C-alpha atoms as a PDB file:
ATOM      1  CA  UNK A   1       0.127   0.095   0.057  1.00  0.00           C
ATOM      2  CA  UNK A   2       1.374   3.437  -0.924  1.00  0.00           C
ATOM      3  CA  UNK A   3       2.138   5.597   1.427  1.00  0.00           C
ATOM      4  CA  UNK A   4       1.200   9.194   1.935  1.00  0.00           C
ATOM      5  CA  UNK A   5       3.528  11.866   1.156  1.00  0.00           C
ATOM      6  CA  UNK A   6       4.490  14.080   4.093  1.00  0.00           C
ATOM      7  CA  UNK A   7       2.646  17.128   3.637  1.00  0.00           C
ATOM      8  CA  UNK A   8      -0.862  14.507   3.593  1.00  0.00           C
ATOM      9  CA  UNK A   9       0.362  12.872   6.551  1.00  0.00           C
ATOM     10  CA  UNK A  10       0.234  16.218   8.380  1.00  0.00           C
ATOM     11  CA  UNK A  11      -2.921  16.751   7.498  1.00  0.00           C
ATOM     12  CA  UNK A  12      -4.493  13.829   8.249  1.00  0.00           C
ATOM     13  CA  UNK A  13      -2.585  13.799  11.654  1.00  0.00           C
ATOM     14  CA  UNK A  14      -3.838  17.338  12.496  1.00  0.00           C
ATOM     15  CA  UNK A  15      -7.329  16.691  11.975  1.00  0.00           C
ATOM     16  CA  UNK A  16      -7.015  13.888  13.676  1.00  0.00           C
ATOM     17  CA  UNK A  17      -6.397  15.675  16.210  1.00  0.00           C
ATOM     18  CA  UNK A  18      -8.080  18.751  16.211  1.00  0.00           C
ATOM     19  CA  UNK A  19     -11.297  16.354  15.751  1.00  0.00           C
ATOM     20  CA  UNK A  20     -10.558  14.622  19.206  1.00  0.00           C
ATOM     21  CA  UNK A  21      -8.808  17.567  21.166  1.00  0.00           C
ATOM     22  CA  UNK A  22      -9.823  20.721  19.997  1.00  0.00           C
ATOM     23  CA  UNK A  23      -7.580  23.151  17.975  1.00  0.00           C
ATOM     24  CA  UNK A  24      -6.343  25.258  21.277  1.00  0.00           C
ATOM     25  CA  UNK A  25      -5.265  22.095  22.845  1.00  0.00           C
ATOM     26  CA  UNK A  26      -2.942  20.861  19.509  1.00  0.00           C
ATOM     27  CA  UNK A  27       0.233  21.618  19.382  1.00  0.00           C
ATOM     28  CA  UNK A  28       2.575  21.811  17.013  1.00  0.00           C
ATOM     29  CA  UNK A  29       4.633  19.618  18.806  1.00  0.00           C
ATOM     30  CA  UNK A  30       1.254  16.643  19.400  1.00  0.00           C
ATOM     31  CA  UNK A  31       1.000  16.925  15.446  1.00  0.00           C
ATOM     32  CA  UNK A  32       4.957  16.024  14.295  1.00  0.00           C
ATOM     33  CA  UNK A  33       5.130  13.539  17.339  1.00  0.00           C
ATOM     34  CA  UNK A  34       2.109  11.682  16.077  1.00  0.00           C
ATOM     35  CA  UNK A  35       3.042  12.213  12.174  1.00  0.00           C
ATOM     36  CA  UNK A  36       6.720  10.952  13.022  1.00  0.00           C
ATOM     37  CA  UNK A  37       8.401  14.046  11.118  1.00  0.00           C
ATOM     38  CA  UNK A  38      10.656  17.204  12.458  1.00  0.00           C
ATOM     39  CA  UNK A  39       9.078  20.931  12.916  1.00  0.00           C
ATOM     40  CA  UNK A  40      10.887  22.010   9.759  1.00  0.00           C
ATOM     41  CA  UNK A  41       8.163  19.786   7.776  1.00  0.00           C
ATOM     42  CA  UNK A  42       5.389  21.766   9.084  1.00  0.00           C
ATOM     43  CA  UNK A  43       7.310  24.934   8.387  1.00  0.00           C
ATOM     44  CA  UNK A  44       7.988  23.956   4.806  1.00  0.00           C
ATOM     45  CA  UNK A  45       4.742  22.567   3.693  1.00  0.00           C
ATOM     46  CA  UNK A  46       2.348  25.162   5.522  1.00  0.00           C
ATOM     47  CA  UNK A  47       4.622  28.091   7.291  1.00  0.00           C
ATOM     48  CA  UNK A  48       2.419  28.351  10.414  1.00  0.00           C
ATOM     49  CA  UNK A  49       0.155  26.476  12.228  1.00  0.00           C
ATOM     50  CA  UNK A  50      -2.848  29.059  11.257  1.00  0.00           C
ATOM     51  CA  UNK A  51      -1.660  28.023   7.819  1.00  0.00           C
ATOM     52  CA  UNK A  52      -2.048  24.137   8.939  1.00  0.00           C
ATOM     53  CA  UNK A  53      -5.332  24.801  10.011  1.00  0.00           C
ATOM     54  CA  UNK A  54      -6.857  26.354   6.892  1.00  0.00           C
ATOM     55  CA  UNK A  55      -5.698  23.664   4.970  1.00  0.00           C
ATOM     56  CA  UNK A  56      -7.072  21.120   7.375  1.00  0.00           C
ATOM     57  CA  UNK A  57     -10.824  22.741   6.961  1.00  0.00           C
ATOM     58  CA  UNK A  58     -10.645  23.719   3.432  1.00  0.00           C
ATOM     59  CA  UNK A  59      -9.071  20.385   2.590  1.00  0.00           C
ATOM     60  CA  UNK A  60     -12.783  18.406   3.395  1.00  0.00           C
ATOM     61  CA  UNK A  61     -15.386  21.481   3.053  1.00  0.00           C
ATOM     62  CA  UNK A  62     -14.070  22.630  -0.441  1.00  0.00           C
ATOM     63  CA  UNK A  63     -15.104  19.756  -2.500  1.00  0.00           C
ATOM     64  CA  UNK A  64     -18.434  19.727  -1.250  1.00  0.00           C
ATOM     65  CA  UNK A  65     -19.035  23.174  -1.871  1.00  0.00           C
ATOM     66  CA  UNK A  66     -17.682  22.924  -5.419  1.00  0.00           C
ATOM     67  CA  UNK A  67     -20.127  20.069  -6.219  1.00  0.00           C
ATOM     68  CA  UNK A  68     -22.604  22.276  -5.048  1.00  0.00           C
ATOM     69  CA  UNK A  69     -21.586  25.025  -7.352  1.00  0.00           C
ATOM     70  CA  UNK A  70     -21.146  23.412 -10.439  1.00  0.00           C
ATOM     71  CA  UNK A  71     -24.934  21.882  -9.891  1.00  0.00           C
ATOM     72  CA  UNK A  72     -25.952  25.273  -9.992  1.00  0.00           C
ATOM     73  CA  UNK A  73     -23.903  26.458 -12.747  1.00  0.00           C
ATOM     74  CA  UNK A  74     -25.634  23.365 -15.013  1.00  0.00           C
ATOM     75  CA  UNK A  75     -29.366  24.917 -13.533  1.00  0.00           C
ATOM     76  CA  UNK A  76     -28.790  28.742 -13.764  1.00  0.00           C
ATOM     77  CA  UNK A  77     -27.054  27.465 -17.398  1.00  0.00           C
ATOM     78  CA  UNK A  78     -30.113  25.302 -18.848  1.00  0.00           C
ATOM     79  CA  UNK A  79     -32.307  27.736 -17.038  1.00  0.00           C
ATOM     80  CA  UNK A  80     -31.416  30.424 -19.546  1.00  0.00           C
ATOM     81  CA  UNK A  81     -33.127  33.674 -18.229  1.00  0.00           C
ATOM     82  CA  UNK A  82     -35.934  31.793 -16.153  1.00  0.00           C
ATOM     83  CA  UNK A  83     -35.157  31.016 -12.179  1.00  0.00           C
ATOM     84  CA  UNK A  84     -34.070  27.280 -11.686  1.00  0.00           C
ATOM     85  CA  UNK A  85     -36.901  24.724 -10.234  1.00  0.00           C
ATOM     86  CA  UNK A  86     -37.100  24.960  -6.494  1.00  0.00           C
ATOM     87  CA  UNK A  87     -37.141  21.435  -6.126  1.00  0.00           C
ATOM     88  CA  UNK A  88     -33.628  21.042  -8.166  1.00  0.00           C
ATOM     89  CA  UNK A  89     -31.838  24.053  -6.357  1.00  0.00           C
ATOM     90  CA  UNK A  90     -32.895  22.414  -2.440  1.00  0.00           C
ATOM     91  CA  UNK A  91     -31.405  18.768  -3.857  1.00  0.00           C
ATOM     92  CA  UNK A  92     -28.081  20.578  -5.865  1.00  0.00           C
ATOM     93  CA  UNK A  93     -27.482  22.017  -1.942  1.00  0.00           C
ATOM     94  CA  UNK A  94     -28.131  18.980   0.174  1.00  0.00           C
ATOM     95  CA  UNK A  95     -27.389  15.964  -2.198  1.00  0.00           C
ATOM     96  CA  UNK A  96     -23.705  16.373  -2.249  1.00  0.00           C
ATOM     97  CA  UNK A  97     -23.292  16.036   1.435  1.00  0.00           C
ATOM     98  CA  UNK A  98     -25.766  13.787   2.297  1.00  0.00           C
ATOM     99  CA  UNK A  99     -24.646  11.438  -0.291  1.00  0.00           C
ATOM    100  CA  UNK A 100     -21.036  12.099   1.124  1.00  0.00           C
ATOM    101  CA  UNK A 101     -22.473  10.557   4.343  1.00  0.00           C
ATOM    102  CA  UNK A 102     -23.028   7.257   2.947  1.00  0.00           C
ATOM    103  CA  UNK A 103     -19.962   6.696   0.774  1.00  0.00           C
ATOM    104  CA  UNK A 104     -17.169   7.990   2.970  1.00  0.00           C
ATOM    105  CA  UNK A 105     -18.795   7.997   6.561  1.00  0.00           C
ATOM    106  CA  UNK A 106     -15.745   8.153   8.624  1.00  0.00           C
ATOM    107  CA  UNK A 107     -14.863  11.301   6.279  1.00  0.00           C
ATOM    108  CA  UNK A 108     -17.741  12.831   7.272  1.00  0.00           C
ATOM    109  CA  UNK A 109     -17.718  12.054  10.956  1.00  0.00           C
ATOM    110  CA  UNK A 110     -14.462  14.501  10.302  1.00  0.00           C
ATOM    111  CA  UNK A 111     -16.416  16.836   8.685  1.00  0.00           C
ATOM    112  CA  UNK A 112     -18.854  17.286  11.394  1.00  0.00           C
ATOM    113  CA  UNK A 113     -16.492  17.535  14.166  1.00  0.00           C
ATOM    114  CA  UNK A 114     -14.852  20.013  12.320  1.00  0.00           C
ATOM    115  CA  UNK A 115     -17.862  22.614  11.409  1.00  0.00           C
ATOM    116  CA  UNK A 116     -18.869  21.900  14.972  1.00  0.00           C
ATOM    117  CA  UNK A 117     -15.121  23.202  15.622  1.00  0.00           C
ATOM    118  CA  UNK A 118     -15.836  26.180  13.277  1.00  0.00           C
ATOM    119  CA  UNK A 119     -19.050  27.234  14.564  1.00  0.00           C
ATOM    120  CA  UNK A 120     -18.038  26.659  18.680  1.00  0.00           C
ATOM    121  CA  UNK A 121     -14.847  29.080  18.142  1.00  0.00           C
ATOM    122  CA  UNK A 122     -14.498  32.340  17.462  1.00  0.00           C
ATOM    123  CA  UNK A 123     -12.191  35.005  16.269  1.00  0.00           C
ATOM    124  CA  UNK A 124     -10.507  33.613  13.372  1.00  0.00           C
ATOM    125  CA  UNK A 125     -11.847  30.547  12.833  1.00  0.00           C
ATOM    126  CA  UNK A 126     -15.505  32.218  12.623  1.00  0.00           C
ATOM    127  CA  UNK A 127     -13.207  34.173  10.027  1.00  0.00           C
ATOM    128  CA  UNK A 128     -12.288  30.794   8.323  1.00  0.00           C
ATOM    129  CA  UNK A 129     -16.005  29.077   8.461  1.00  0.00           C
ATOM    130  CA  UNK A 130     -17.288  32.969   6.608  1.00  0.00           C
ATOM    131  CA  UNK A 131     -14.498  32.148   3.977  1.00  0.00           C
ATOM    132  CA  UNK A 132     -15.473  28.442   3.050  1.00  0.00           C
ATOM    133  CA  UNK A 133     -19.030  29.264   3.324  1.00  0.00           C
ATOM    134  CA  UNK A 134     -19.941  32.635   2.041  1.00  0.00           C
ATOM    135  CA  UNK A 135     -19.190  31.757  -1.685  1.00  0.00           C
ATOM    136  CA  UNK A 136     -21.447  28.869  -1.808  1.00  0.00           C
ATOM    137  CA  UNK A 137     -24.219  30.702   0.747  1.00  0.00           C
ATOM    138  CA  UNK A 138     -24.102  33.690  -1.176  1.00  0.00           C
ATOM    139  CA  UNK A 139     -25.013  32.041  -4.558  1.00  0.00           C
ATOM    140  CA  UNK A 140     -27.667  30.023  -3.049  1.00  0.00           C
ATOM    141  CA  UNK A 141     -29.337  32.095  -1.741  1.00  0.00           C
ATOM    142  CA  UNK A 142     -29.208  34.684  -4.614  1.00  0.00           C
ATOM    143  CA  UNK A 143     -30.285  31.834  -6.824  1.00  0.00           C
ATOM    144  CA  UNK A 144     -33.549  30.460  -4.366  1.00  0.00           C
ATOM    145  CA  UNK A 145     -35.149  34.363  -4.216  1.00  0.00           C
ATOM    146  CA  UNK A 146     -35.180  34.403  -7.642  1.00  0.00           C
ATOM    147  CA  UNK A 147     -37.566  31.414  -7.328  1.00  0.00           C
ATOM    148  CA  UNK A 148     -39.575  32.807  -4.392  1.00  0.00           C
ATOM    149  CA  UNK A 149     -39.648  36.330  -5.088  1.00  0.00           C
ATOM    150  CA  UNK A 150     -42.568  36.709  -2.611  1.00  0.00           C
ATOM    151  CA  UNK A 151     -40.513  35.845   0.354  1.00  0.00           C
ATOM    152  CA  UNK A 152     -38.070  38.578   2.151  1.00  0.00           C
ATOM    153  CA  UNK A 153     -34.250  38.656   1.741  1.00  0.00           C
ATOM    154  CA  UNK A 154     -34.687  37.840   5.751  1.00  0.00           C
ATOM    155  CA  UNK A 155     -37.197  35.428   6.030  1.00  0.00           C
ATOM    156  CA  UNK A 156     -35.270  33.501   3.023  1.00  0.00           C
ATOM    157  CA  UNK A 157     -32.337  33.669   5.491  1.00  0.00           C
ATOM    158  CA  UNK A 158     -34.104  31.766   8.180  1.00  0.00           C
ATOM    159  CA  UNK A 159     -35.594  29.419   5.875  1.00  0.00           C
ATOM    160  CA  UNK A 160     -32.318  28.794   4.178  1.00  0.00           C
ATOM    161  CA  UNK A 161     -30.628  28.376   7.958  1.00  0.00           C
ATOM    162  CA  UNK A 162     -33.986  25.435   8.386  1.00  0.00           C
ATOM    163  CA  UNK A 163     -32.449  23.838   5.501  1.00  0.00           C
ATOM    164  CA  UNK A 164     -29.232  23.421   7.047  1.00  0.00           C
ATOM    165  CA  UNK A 165     -30.784  22.391  10.175  1.00  0.00           C
ATOM    166  CA  UNK A 166     -32.802  19.750   8.617  1.00  0.00           C
ATOM    167  CA  UNK A 167     -29.368  18.707   6.528  1.00  0.00           C
ATOM    168  CA  UNK A 168     -26.878  18.084   9.359  1.00  0.00           C
ATOM    169  CA  UNK A 169     -29.708  16.084  11.411  1.00  0.00           C
ATOM    170  CA  UNK A 170     -29.643  13.877   8.742  1.00  0.00           C
ATOM    171  CA  UNK A 171     -25.770  13.604   8.029  1.00  0.00           C
ATOM    172  CA  UNK A 172     -25.427  13.485  12.702  1.00  0.00           C
ATOM    173  CA  UNK A 173     -27.885  11.051  13.241  1.00  0.00           C
ATOM    174  CA  UNK A 174     -27.861   7.216  12.579  1.00  0.00           C
ATOM    175  CA  UNK A 175     -31.594   6.125  11.734  1.00  0.00           C
ATOM    176  CA  UNK A 176     -34.331   5.459  13.812  1.00  0.00           C
ATOM    177  CA  UNK A 177     -34.478   2.074  13.486  1.00  0.00           C
ATOM    178  CA  UNK A 178     -34.611   1.246  17.442  1.00  0.00           C
ATOM    179  CA  UNK A 179     -37.447   3.584  18.057  1.00  0.00           C
ATOM    180  CA  UNK A 180     -40.073   0.714  18.321  1.00  0.00           C
ATOM    181  CA  UNK A 181     -42.917   3.201  17.515  1.00  0.00           C
ATOM    182  CA  UNK A 182     -41.379   4.107  14.762  1.00  0.00           C
ATOM    183  CA  UNK A 183     -41.362   1.954  11.469  1.00  0.00           C
ATOM    184  CA  UNK A 184     -39.009   2.735   9.147  1.00  0.00           C
ATOM    185  CA  UNK A 185     -37.343   1.107   6.327  1.00  0.00           C
ATOM    186  CA  UNK A 186     -33.633   0.621   5.455  1.00  0.00           C
ATOM    187  CA  UNK A 187     -32.504   3.986   4.266  1.00  0.00           C
ATOM    188  CA  UNK A 188     -30.386   4.967   1.894  1.00  0.00           C
ATOM    189  CA  UNK A 189     -29.814   8.684  -0.118  1.00  0.00           C
ATOM    190  CA  UNK A 190     -32.319   8.495  -2.249  1.00  0.00           C
ATOM    191  CA  UNK A 191     -35.175   7.456  -0.044  1.00  0.00           C
ATOM    192  CA  UNK A 192     -33.830  10.480   2.385  1.00  0.00           C
ATOM    193  CA  UNK A 193     -34.093  12.808  -0.562  1.00  0.00           C
ATOM    194  CA  UNK A 194     -37.551  11.294  -1.833  1.00  0.00           C
ATOM    195  CA  UNK A 195     -38.472  12.407   1.771  1.00  0.00           C
ATOM    196  CA  UNK A 196     -36.620  15.631   2.699  1.00  0.00           C
ATOM    197  CA  UNK A 197     -37.046  17.601  -0.074  1.00  0.00           C
ATOM    198  CA  UNK A 198     -40.616  17.813  -0.616  1.00  0.00           C
ATOM    199  CA  UNK A 199     -40.979  18.926   2.989  1.00  0.00           C
ATOM    200  CA  UNK A 200     -38.458  21.759   2.267  1.00  0.00           C
ATOM    201  CA  UNK A 201     -39.971  22.922  -0.745  1.00  0.00           C
ATOM    202  CA  UNK A 202     -43.604  23.166   1.241  1.00  0.00           C
ATOM    203  CA  UNK A 203     -41.528  25.010   3.581  1.00  0.00           C
ATOM    204  CA  UNK A 204     -39.255  27.164   1.546  1.00  0.00           C
ATOM    205  CA  UNK A 205     -42.935  27.581  -0.627  1.00  0.00           C
ATOM    206  CA  UNK A 206     -44.963  28.574   2.654  1.00  0.00           C
ATOM    207  CA  UNK A 207     -46.480  32.289   2.478  1.00  0.00           C
ATOM    208  CA  UNK A 208     -44.750  34.634   3.960  1.00  0.00           C
ATOM    209  CA  UNK A 209     -44.543  34.877   7.832  1.00  0.00           C
ATOM    210  CA  UNK A 210     -46.780  37.909   9.495  1.00  0.00           C
ATOM    211  CA  UNK A 211     -44.979  40.003  11.503  1.00  0.00           C
END
């Protein structure tokens, strides 16, 4: 089996320790000891701990967001002047993450832990969270606004957050097979999408809330 290069090894070890101990509690010495490399390797490949932290997050989160944006590009190109279908917008946003949960469950566990760290810490990590998600959130919100002209920007933002909450619950928790009073069939990505997309469409299309 081919061994990972030093840069990949450092990212793998840093990701594991950040998820287990937290970023502040993980020192460069912890990382190089577990990776079995010298300190110069981190400075050569990343320059600093801050740069290493950014790359750990970017490596996992950017591919998912890139797929979302590619799907959105196709929807907007195919729709020409008209707004993309709401159902397809929602699918383009949530499907990449939901499929990843089933196809690469261990990777998804790390992504969820890392996102939790981004949301719970302040300062630079909050800025990093914004940097990683700003483009995808801005573009999807703009596309959703075209499909839902009756919904204000403020209300659309809340509905978008509710979609995020539903998606994270699906990614974070196992199926509820053990709850005796809930009957459910074996779940797979497509059956989950078939359940959640109509639910989210109905929520987004609901009449504007009265203030």
